[in-house]
Amino acid sequence: MDVFETVKKIIIEELGCKPEKVVLEARLKEDLSADSIDAVQIIMDLEDTFNIQIDEDNAENIKTVKDVVDYVSGLIK
């Protein structure tokens, strides 16, 4: 399972943004217009998809798509 492609798919589904906007450097809030409700839904989708538990304190430090990919990758190893 390619973590980036899966994360990208979840973000596109939740935010309704164009696929070309979802790049590793994209900031969730500023570039992709994710609000706090979107963030909660993305986290829940990530947890379900990857069968992981994302700590709320760590979630607050996730700012970019790369942060999401790196964090999820660290949990599924």
PDB file of N, CA and C in Angstrom:
ATOM      1  N   MET A   1       0.855  -1.184   0.000  1.00  0.00           N
ATOM      2  CA  MET A   1       0.000   0.000   0.000  1.00  0.00           C
ATOM      3  C   MET A   1       0.901   1.247   0.000  1.00  0.00           C
ATOM      4  N   ASP A   2       0.707   2.106  -0.976  1.00  0.00           N
ATOM      5  CA  ASP A   2       1.466   3.352  -1.062  1.00  0.00           C
ATOM      6  C   ASP A   2       0.803   4.383  -0.149  1.00  0.00           C
ATOM      7  N   VAL A   3       1.514   4.760   0.904  1.00  0.00           N
ATOM      8  CA  VAL A   3       0.946   5.652   1.915  1.00  0.00           C
ATOM      9  C   VAL A   3       0.545   6.993   1.299  1.00  0.00           C
ATOM     10  N   PHE A   4       1.431   7.591   0.499  1.00  0.00           N
ATOM     11  CA  PHE A   4       1.116   8.894  -0.084  1.00  0.00           C
ATOM     12  C   PHE A   4      -0.141   8.837  -0.941  1.00  0.00           C
ATOM     13  N   GLU A   5      -0.249   7.857  -1.816  1.00  0.00           N
ATOM     14  CA  GLU A   5      -1.418   7.772  -2.699  1.00  0.00           C
ATOM     15  C   GLU A   5      -2.703   7.572  -1.902  1.00  0.00           C
ATOM     16  N   THR A   6      -2.640   6.782  -0.840  1.00  0.00           N
ATOM     17  CA  THR A   6      -3.819   6.550  -0.005  1.00  0.00           C
ATOM     18  C   THR A   6      -4.202   7.818   0.751  1.00  0.00           C
ATOM     19  N   VAL A   7      -3.209   8.491   1.324  1.00  0.00           N
ATOM     20  CA  VAL A   7      -3.456   9.748   2.031  1.00  0.00           C
ATOM     21  C   VAL A   7      -4.034  10.778   1.051  1.00  0.00           C
ATOM     22  N   LYS A   8      -3.456  10.853  -0.131  1.00  0.00           N
ATOM     23  CA  LYS A   8      -3.924  11.790  -1.161  1.00  0.00           C
ATOM     24  C   LYS A   8      -5.388  11.528  -1.506  1.00  0.00           C
ATOM     25  N   LYS A   9      -5.741  10.271  -1.686  1.00  0.00           N
ATOM     26  CA  LYS A   9      -7.121   9.898  -2.015  1.00  0.00           C
ATOM     27  C   LYS A   9      -8.082  10.344  -0.903  1.00  0.00           C
ATOM     28  N   ILE A  10      -7.702  10.112   0.344  1.00  0.00           N
ATOM     29  CA  ILE A  10      -8.545  10.506   1.481  1.00  0.00           C
ATOM     30  C   ILE A  10      -8.719  12.021   1.511  1.00  0.00           C
ATOM     31  N   ILE A  11      -7.641  12.759   1.314  1.00  0.00           N
ATOM     32  CA  ILE A  11      -7.712  14.224   1.335  1.00  0.00           C
ATOM     33  C   ILE A  11      -8.596  14.737   0.203  1.00  0.00           C
ATOM     34  N   ILE A  12      -8.438  14.183  -0.985  1.00  0.00           N
ATOM     35  CA  ILE A  12      -9.258  14.602  -2.131  1.00  0.00           C
ATOM     36  C   ILE A  12     -10.732  14.334  -1.847  1.00  0.00           C
ATOM     37  N   GLU A  13     -11.039  13.157  -1.312  1.00  0.00           N
ATOM     38  CA  GLU A  13     -12.429  12.806  -1.007  1.00  0.00           C
ATOM     39  C   GLU A  13     -13.023  13.732   0.046  1.00  0.00           C
ATOM     40  N   GLU A  14     -12.251  14.031   1.086  1.00  0.00           N
ATOM     41  CA  GLU A  14     -12.767  14.852   2.179  1.00  0.00           C
ATOM     42  C   GLU A  14     -12.866  16.332   1.828  1.00  0.00           C
ATOM     43  N   LEU A  15     -11.870  16.838   1.116  1.00  0.00           N
ATOM     44  CA  LEU A  15     -11.824  18.280   0.865  1.00  0.00           C
ATOM     45  C   LEU A  15     -12.375  18.666  -0.505  1.00  0.00           C
ATOM     46  N   GLY A  16     -12.530  17.691  -1.379  1.00  0.00           N
ATOM     47  CA  GLY A  16     -13.029  17.980  -2.712  1.00  0.00           C
ATOM     48  C   GLY A  16     -12.072  18.843  -3.525  1.00  0.00           C
ATOM     49  N   CYS A  17     -10.787  18.735  -3.237  1.00  0.00           N
ATOM     50  CA  CYS A  17      -9.797  19.542  -3.960  1.00  0.00           C
ATOM     51  C   CYS A  17      -9.278  18.778  -5.177  1.00  0.00           C
ATOM     52  N   LYS A  18      -8.631  19.512  -6.050  1.00  0.00           N
ATOM     53  CA  LYS A  18      -8.082  18.911  -7.263  1.00  0.00           C
ATOM     54  C   LYS A  18      -6.862  18.066  -6.910  1.00  0.00           C
ATOM     55  N   PRO A  19      -6.722  16.903  -7.552  1.00  0.00           N
ATOM     56  CA  PRO A  19      -5.597  16.010  -7.253  1.00  0.00           C
ATOM     57  C   PRO A  19      -4.234  16.674  -7.383  1.00  0.00           C
ATOM     58  N   GLU A  20      -4.077  17.558  -8.344  1.00  0.00           N
ATOM     59  CA  GLU A  20      -2.767  18.187  -8.544  1.00  0.00           C
ATOM     60  C   GLU A  20      -2.385  19.138  -7.405  1.00  0.00           C
ATOM     61  N   LYS A  21      -3.355  19.531  -6.587  1.00  0.00           N
ATOM     62  CA  LYS A  21      -3.054  20.395  -5.436  1.00  0.00           C
ATOM     63  C   LYS A  21      -2.514  19.609  -4.242  1.00  0.00           C
ATOM     64  N   VAL A  22      -2.779  18.301  -4.216  1.00  0.00           N
ATOM     65  CA  VAL A  22      -2.374  17.475  -3.080  1.00  0.00           C
ATOM     66  C   VAL A  22      -0.964  16.940  -3.331  1.00  0.00           C
ATOM     67  N   VAL A  23       0.006  17.755  -2.956  1.00  0.00           N
ATOM     68  CA  VAL A  23       1.424  17.402  -3.072  1.00  0.00           C
ATOM     69  C   VAL A  23       2.016  17.393  -1.665  1.00  0.00           C
ATOM     70  N   LEU A  24       3.179  16.789  -1.520  1.00  0.00           N
ATOM     71  CA  LEU A  24       3.780  16.655  -0.193  1.00  0.00           C
ATOM     72  C   LEU A  24       3.955  17.992   0.517  1.00  0.00           C
ATOM     73  N   GLU A  25       4.265  19.046  -0.221  1.00  0.00           N
ATOM     74  CA  GLU A  25       4.528  20.351   0.383  1.00  0.00           C
ATOM     75  C   GLU A  25       3.246  21.119   0.751  1.00  0.00           C
ATOM     76  N   ALA A  26       2.106  20.654   0.271  1.00  0.00           N
ATOM     77  CA  ALA A  26       0.853  21.383   0.499  1.00  0.00           C
ATOM     78  C   ALA A  26       0.507  21.425   1.982  1.00  0.00           C
ATOM     79  N   ARG A  27       0.169  22.630   2.449  1.00  0.00           N
ATOM     80  CA  ARG A  27      -0.276  22.800   3.834  1.00  0.00           C
ATOM     81  C   ARG A  27      -1.782  22.545   3.877  1.00  0.00           C
ATOM     82  N   LEU A  28      -2.189  21.731   4.826  1.00  0.00           N
ATOM     83  CA  LEU A  28      -3.591  21.323   4.892  1.00  0.00           C
ATOM     84  C   LEU A  28      -4.530  22.510   5.045  1.00  0.00           C
ATOM     85  N   LYS A  29      -4.212  23.391   5.955  1.00  0.00           N
ATOM     86  CA  LYS A  29      -5.100  24.510   6.244  1.00  0.00           C
ATOM     87  C   LYS A  29      -4.978  25.616   5.190  1.00  0.00           C
ATOM     88  N   GLU A  30      -3.773  26.070   4.959  1.00  0.00           N
ATOM     89  CA  GLU A  30      -3.560  27.232   4.095  1.00  0.00           C
ATOM     90  C   GLU A  30      -3.722  26.922   2.612  1.00  0.00           C
ATOM     91  N   ASP A  31      -3.171  25.799   2.153  1.00  0.00           N
ATOM     92  CA  ASP A  31      -3.189  25.484   0.725  1.00  0.00           C
ATOM     93  C   ASP A  31      -4.408  24.680   0.296  1.00  0.00           C
ATOM     94  N   LEU A  32      -4.886  23.811   1.185  1.00  0.00           N
ATOM     95  CA  LEU A  32      -5.990  22.923   0.822  1.00  0.00           C
ATOM     96  C   LEU A  32      -7.307  23.297   1.502  1.00  0.00           C
ATOM     97  N   SER A  33      -7.300  24.369   2.275  1.00  0.00           N
ATOM     98  CA  SER A  33      -8.500  24.917   2.915  1.00  0.00           C
ATOM     99  C   SER A  33      -9.202  23.948   3.861  1.00  0.00           C
ATOM    100  N   ALA A  34      -8.434  23.133   4.562  1.00  0.00           N
ATOM    101  CA  ALA A  34      -9.020  22.218   5.543  1.00  0.00           C
ATOM    102  C   ALA A  34      -9.308  22.986   6.828  1.00  0.00           C
ATOM    103  N   ASP A  35     -10.517  22.804   7.360  1.00  0.00           N
ATOM    104  CA  ASP A  35     -10.834  23.399   8.660  1.00  0.00           C
ATOM    105  C   ASP A  35     -10.754  22.303   9.725  1.00  0.00           C
ATOM    106  N   SER A  36     -11.092  22.640  10.952  1.00  0.00           N
ATOM    107  CA  SER A  36     -10.936  21.671  12.041  1.00  0.00           C
ATOM    108  C   SER A  36     -11.855  20.461  11.878  1.00  0.00           C
ATOM    109  N   ILE A  37     -13.034  20.658  11.326  1.00  0.00           N
ATOM    110  CA  ILE A  37     -13.954  19.534  11.097  1.00  0.00           C
ATOM    111  C   ILE A  37     -13.384  18.618  10.019  1.00  0.00           C
ATOM    112  N   ASP A  38     -12.841  19.212   8.959  1.00  0.00           N
ATOM    113  CA  ASP A  38     -12.197  18.415   7.907  1.00  0.00           C
ATOM    114  C   ASP A  38     -11.054  17.596   8.497  1.00  0.00           C
ATOM    115  N   ALA A  39     -10.254  18.229   9.348  1.00  0.00           N
ATOM    116  CA  ALA A  39      -9.105  17.549   9.948  1.00  0.00           C
ATOM    117  C   ALA A  39      -9.540  16.334  10.758  1.00  0.00           C
ATOM    118  N   VAL A  40     -10.605  16.492  11.528  1.00  0.00           N
ATOM    119  CA  VAL A  40     -11.117  15.375  12.334  1.00  0.00           C
ATOM    120  C   VAL A  40     -11.562  14.236  11.426  1.00  0.00           C
ATOM    121  N   GLN A  41     -12.254  14.561  10.352  1.00  0.00           N
ATOM    122  CA  GLN A  41     -12.734  13.527   9.432  1.00  0.00           C
ATOM    123  C   GLN A  41     -11.577  12.830   8.726  1.00  0.00           C
ATOM    124  N   ILE A  42     -10.571  13.605   8.322  1.00  0.00           N
ATOM    125  CA  ILE A  42      -9.390  13.013   7.682  1.00  0.00           C
ATOM    126  C   ILE A  42      -8.688  12.061   8.654  1.00  0.00           C
ATOM    127  N   ILE A  43      -8.549  12.478   9.903  1.00  0.00           N
ATOM    128  CA  ILE A  43      -7.917  11.628  10.917  1.00  0.00           C
ATOM    129  C   ILE A  43      -8.707  10.333  11.100  1.00  0.00           C
ATOM    130  N   MET A  44     -10.016  10.431  11.187  1.00  0.00           N
ATOM    131  CA  MET A  44     -10.847   9.232  11.352  1.00  0.00           C
ATOM    132  C   MET A  44     -10.702   8.300  10.151  1.00  0.00           C
ATOM    133  N   ASP A  45     -10.677   8.879   8.952  1.00  0.00           N
ATOM    134  CA  ASP A  45     -10.504   8.068   7.740  1.00  0.00           C
ATOM    135  C   ASP A  45      -9.135   7.393   7.717  1.00  0.00           C
ATOM    136  N   LEU A  46      -8.104   8.126   8.123  1.00  0.00           N
ATOM    137  CA  LEU A  46      -6.761   7.546   8.185  1.00  0.00           C
ATOM    138  C   LEU A  46      -6.719   6.396   9.185  1.00  0.00           C
ATOM    139  N   GLU A  47      -7.318   6.592  10.340  1.00  0.00           N
ATOM    140  CA  GLU A  47      -7.338   5.545  11.370  1.00  0.00           C
ATOM    141  C   GLU A  47      -8.041   4.298  10.860  1.00  0.00           C
ATOM    142  N   ASP A  48      -9.182   4.483  10.195  1.00  0.00           N
ATOM    143  CA  ASP A  48      -9.932   3.339   9.659  1.00  0.00           C
ATOM    144  C   ASP A  48      -9.168   2.641   8.536  1.00  0.00           C
ATOM    145  N   THR A  49      -8.624   3.429   7.627  1.00  0.00           N
ATOM    146  CA  THR A  49      -7.942   2.875   6.456  1.00  0.00           C
ATOM    147  C   THR A  49      -6.683   2.112   6.831  1.00  0.00           C
ATOM    148  N   PHE A  50      -5.892   2.685   7.714  1.00  0.00           N
ATOM    149  CA  PHE A  50      -4.603   2.088   8.068  1.00  0.00           C
ATOM    150  C   PHE A  50      -4.649   1.275   9.354  1.00  0.00           C
ATOM    151  N   ASN A  51      -5.816   1.230  10.010  1.00  0.00           N
ATOM    152  CA  ASN A  51      -5.974   0.507  11.273  1.00  0.00           C
ATOM    153  C   ASN A  51      -4.948   0.981  12.304  1.00  0.00           C
ATOM    154  N   ILE A  52      -4.929   2.301  12.514  1.00  0.00           N
ATOM    155  CA  ILE A  52      -4.001   2.936  13.450  1.00  0.00           C
ATOM    156  C   ILE A  52      -4.780   3.838  14.389  1.00  0.00           C
ATOM    157  N   GLN A  53      -4.098   4.324  15.406  1.00  0.00           N
ATOM    158  CA  GLN A  53      -4.665   5.290  16.337  1.00  0.00           C
ATOM    159  C   GLN A  53      -3.779   6.523  16.319  1.00  0.00           C
ATOM    160  N   ILE A  54      -4.350   7.675  15.972  1.00  0.00           N
ATOM    161  CA  ILE A  54      -3.590   8.920  15.903  1.00  0.00           C
ATOM    162  C   ILE A  54      -3.840   9.712  17.178  1.00  0.00           C
ATOM    163  N   ASP A  55      -2.765   9.978  17.898  1.00  0.00           N
ATOM    164  CA  ASP A  55      -2.833  10.731  19.150  1.00  0.00           C
ATOM    165  C   ASP A  55      -3.215  12.178  18.863  1.00  0.00           C
ATOM    166  N   GLU A  56      -4.144  12.706  19.632  1.00  0.00           N
ATOM    167  CA  GLU A  56      -4.638  14.072  19.418  1.00  0.00           C
ATOM    168  C   GLU A  56      -3.527  15.116  19.501  1.00  0.00           C
ATOM    169  N   ASP A  57      -2.613  14.937  20.445  1.00  0.00           N
ATOM    170  CA  ASP A  57      -1.504  15.892  20.581  1.00  0.00           C
ATOM    171  C   ASP A  57      -0.610  15.884  19.345  1.00  0.00           C
ATOM    172  N   ASN A  58      -0.347  14.695  18.808  1.00  0.00           N
ATOM    173  CA  ASN A  58       0.460  14.596  17.595  1.00  0.00           C
ATOM    174  C   ASN A  58      -0.280  15.157  16.389  1.00  0.00           C
ATOM    175  N   ALA A  59      -1.582  14.970  16.341  1.00  0.00           N
ATOM    176  CA  ALA A  59      -2.377  15.455  15.220  1.00  0.00           C
ATOM    177  C   ALA A  59      -2.277  16.972  15.094  1.00  0.00           C
ATOM    178  N   GLU A  60      -2.160  17.655  16.213  1.00  0.00           N
ATOM    179  CA  GLU A  60      -2.068  19.112  16.191  1.00  0.00           C
ATOM    180  C   GLU A  60      -0.780  19.595  15.525  1.00  0.00           C
ATOM    181  N   ASN A  61       0.237  18.747  15.487  1.00  0.00           N
ATOM    182  CA  ASN A  61       1.518  19.112  14.883  1.00  0.00           C
ATOM    183  C   ASN A  61       1.588  18.800  13.393  1.00  0.00           C
ATOM    184  N   ILE A  62       0.562  18.184  12.863  1.00  0.00           N
ATOM    185  CA  ILE A  62       0.537  17.827  11.443  1.00  0.00           C
ATOM    186  C   ILE A  62       0.035  19.027  10.643  1.00  0.00           C
ATOM    187  N   LYS A  63       0.912  19.553   9.819  1.00  0.00           N
ATOM    188  CA  LYS A  63       0.583  20.770   9.060  1.00  0.00           C
ATOM    189  C   LYS A  63       0.533  20.553   7.555  1.00  0.00           C
ATOM    190  N   THR A  64       1.344  19.627   7.044  1.00  0.00           N
ATOM    191  CA  THR A  64       1.431  19.425   5.601  1.00  0.00           C
ATOM    192  C   THR A  64       1.058  17.984   5.239  1.00  0.00           C
ATOM    193  N   VAL A  65       0.871  17.754   3.952  1.00  0.00           N
ATOM    194  CA  VAL A  65       0.608  16.399   3.473  1.00  0.00           C
ATOM    195  C   VAL A  65       1.799  15.497   3.830  1.00  0.00           C
ATOM    196  N   LYS A  66       3.010  16.018   3.711  1.00  0.00           N
ATOM    197  CA  LYS A  66       4.203  15.229   4.065  1.00  0.00           C
ATOM    198  C   LYS A  66       4.174  14.840   5.540  1.00  0.00           C
ATOM    199  N   ASP A  67       3.736  15.756   6.404  1.00  0.00           N
ATOM    200  CA  ASP A  67       3.613  15.434   7.834  1.00  0.00           C
ATOM    201  C   ASP A  67       2.671  14.248   8.030  1.00  0.00           C
ATOM    202  N   VAL A  68       1.560  14.240   7.308  1.00  0.00           N
ATOM    203  CA  VAL A  68       0.592  13.148   7.410  1.00  0.00           C
ATOM    204  C   VAL A  68       1.236  11.839   6.962  1.00  0.00           C
ATOM    205  N   VAL A  69       1.866  11.862   5.790  1.00  0.00           N
ATOM    206  CA  VAL A  69       2.485  10.659   5.235  1.00  0.00           C
ATOM    207  C   VAL A  69       3.568  10.125   6.175  1.00  0.00           C
ATOM    208  N   ASP A  70       4.422  11.008   6.669  1.00  0.00           N
ATOM    209  CA  ASP A  70       5.500  10.581   7.567  1.00  0.00           C
ATOM    210  C   ASP A  70       4.943   9.995   8.868  1.00  0.00           C
ATOM    211  N   TYR A  71       3.927  10.643   9.426  1.00  0.00           N
ATOM    212  CA  TYR A  71       3.345  10.170  10.682  1.00  0.00           C
ATOM    213  C   TYR A  71       2.695   8.804  10.499  1.00  0.00           C
ATOM    214  N   VAL A  72       1.889   8.666   9.457  1.00  0.00           N
ATOM    215  CA  VAL A  72       1.216   7.381   9.195  1.00  0.00           C
ATOM    216  C   VAL A  72       2.253   6.302   8.907  1.00  0.00           C
ATOM    217  N   SER A  73       3.255   6.619   8.110  1.00  0.00           N
ATOM    218  CA  SER A  73       4.302   5.644   7.792  1.00  0.00           C
ATOM    219  C   SER A  73       4.994   5.146   9.060  1.00  0.00           C
ATOM    220  N   GLY A  74       5.227   6.041   9.997  1.00  0.00           N
ATOM    221  CA  GLY A  74       5.853   5.661  11.255  1.00  0.00           C
ATOM    222  C   GLY A  74       4.992   4.735  12.098  1.00  0.00           C
ATOM    223  N   LEU A  75       3.687   4.876  11.991  1.00  0.00           N
ATOM    224  CA  LEU A  75       2.779   4.040  12.789  1.00  0.00           C
ATOM    225  C   LEU A  75       2.544   2.658  12.190  1.00  0.00           C
ATOM    226  N   ILE A  76       2.653   2.542  10.876  1.00  0.00           N
ATOM    227  CA  ILE A  76       2.329   1.241  10.252  1.00  0.00           C
ATOM    228  C   ILE A  76       3.546   0.352  10.062  1.00  0.00           C
ATOM    229  N   LYS A  77       4.724   0.812  10.463  1.00  0.00           N
ATOM    230  CA  LYS A  77       5.933  -0.027  10.319  1.00  0.00           C
ATOM    231  C   LYS A  77       5.968  -1.101  11.366  1.00  0.00           C
TER     232      LYS A  77
END
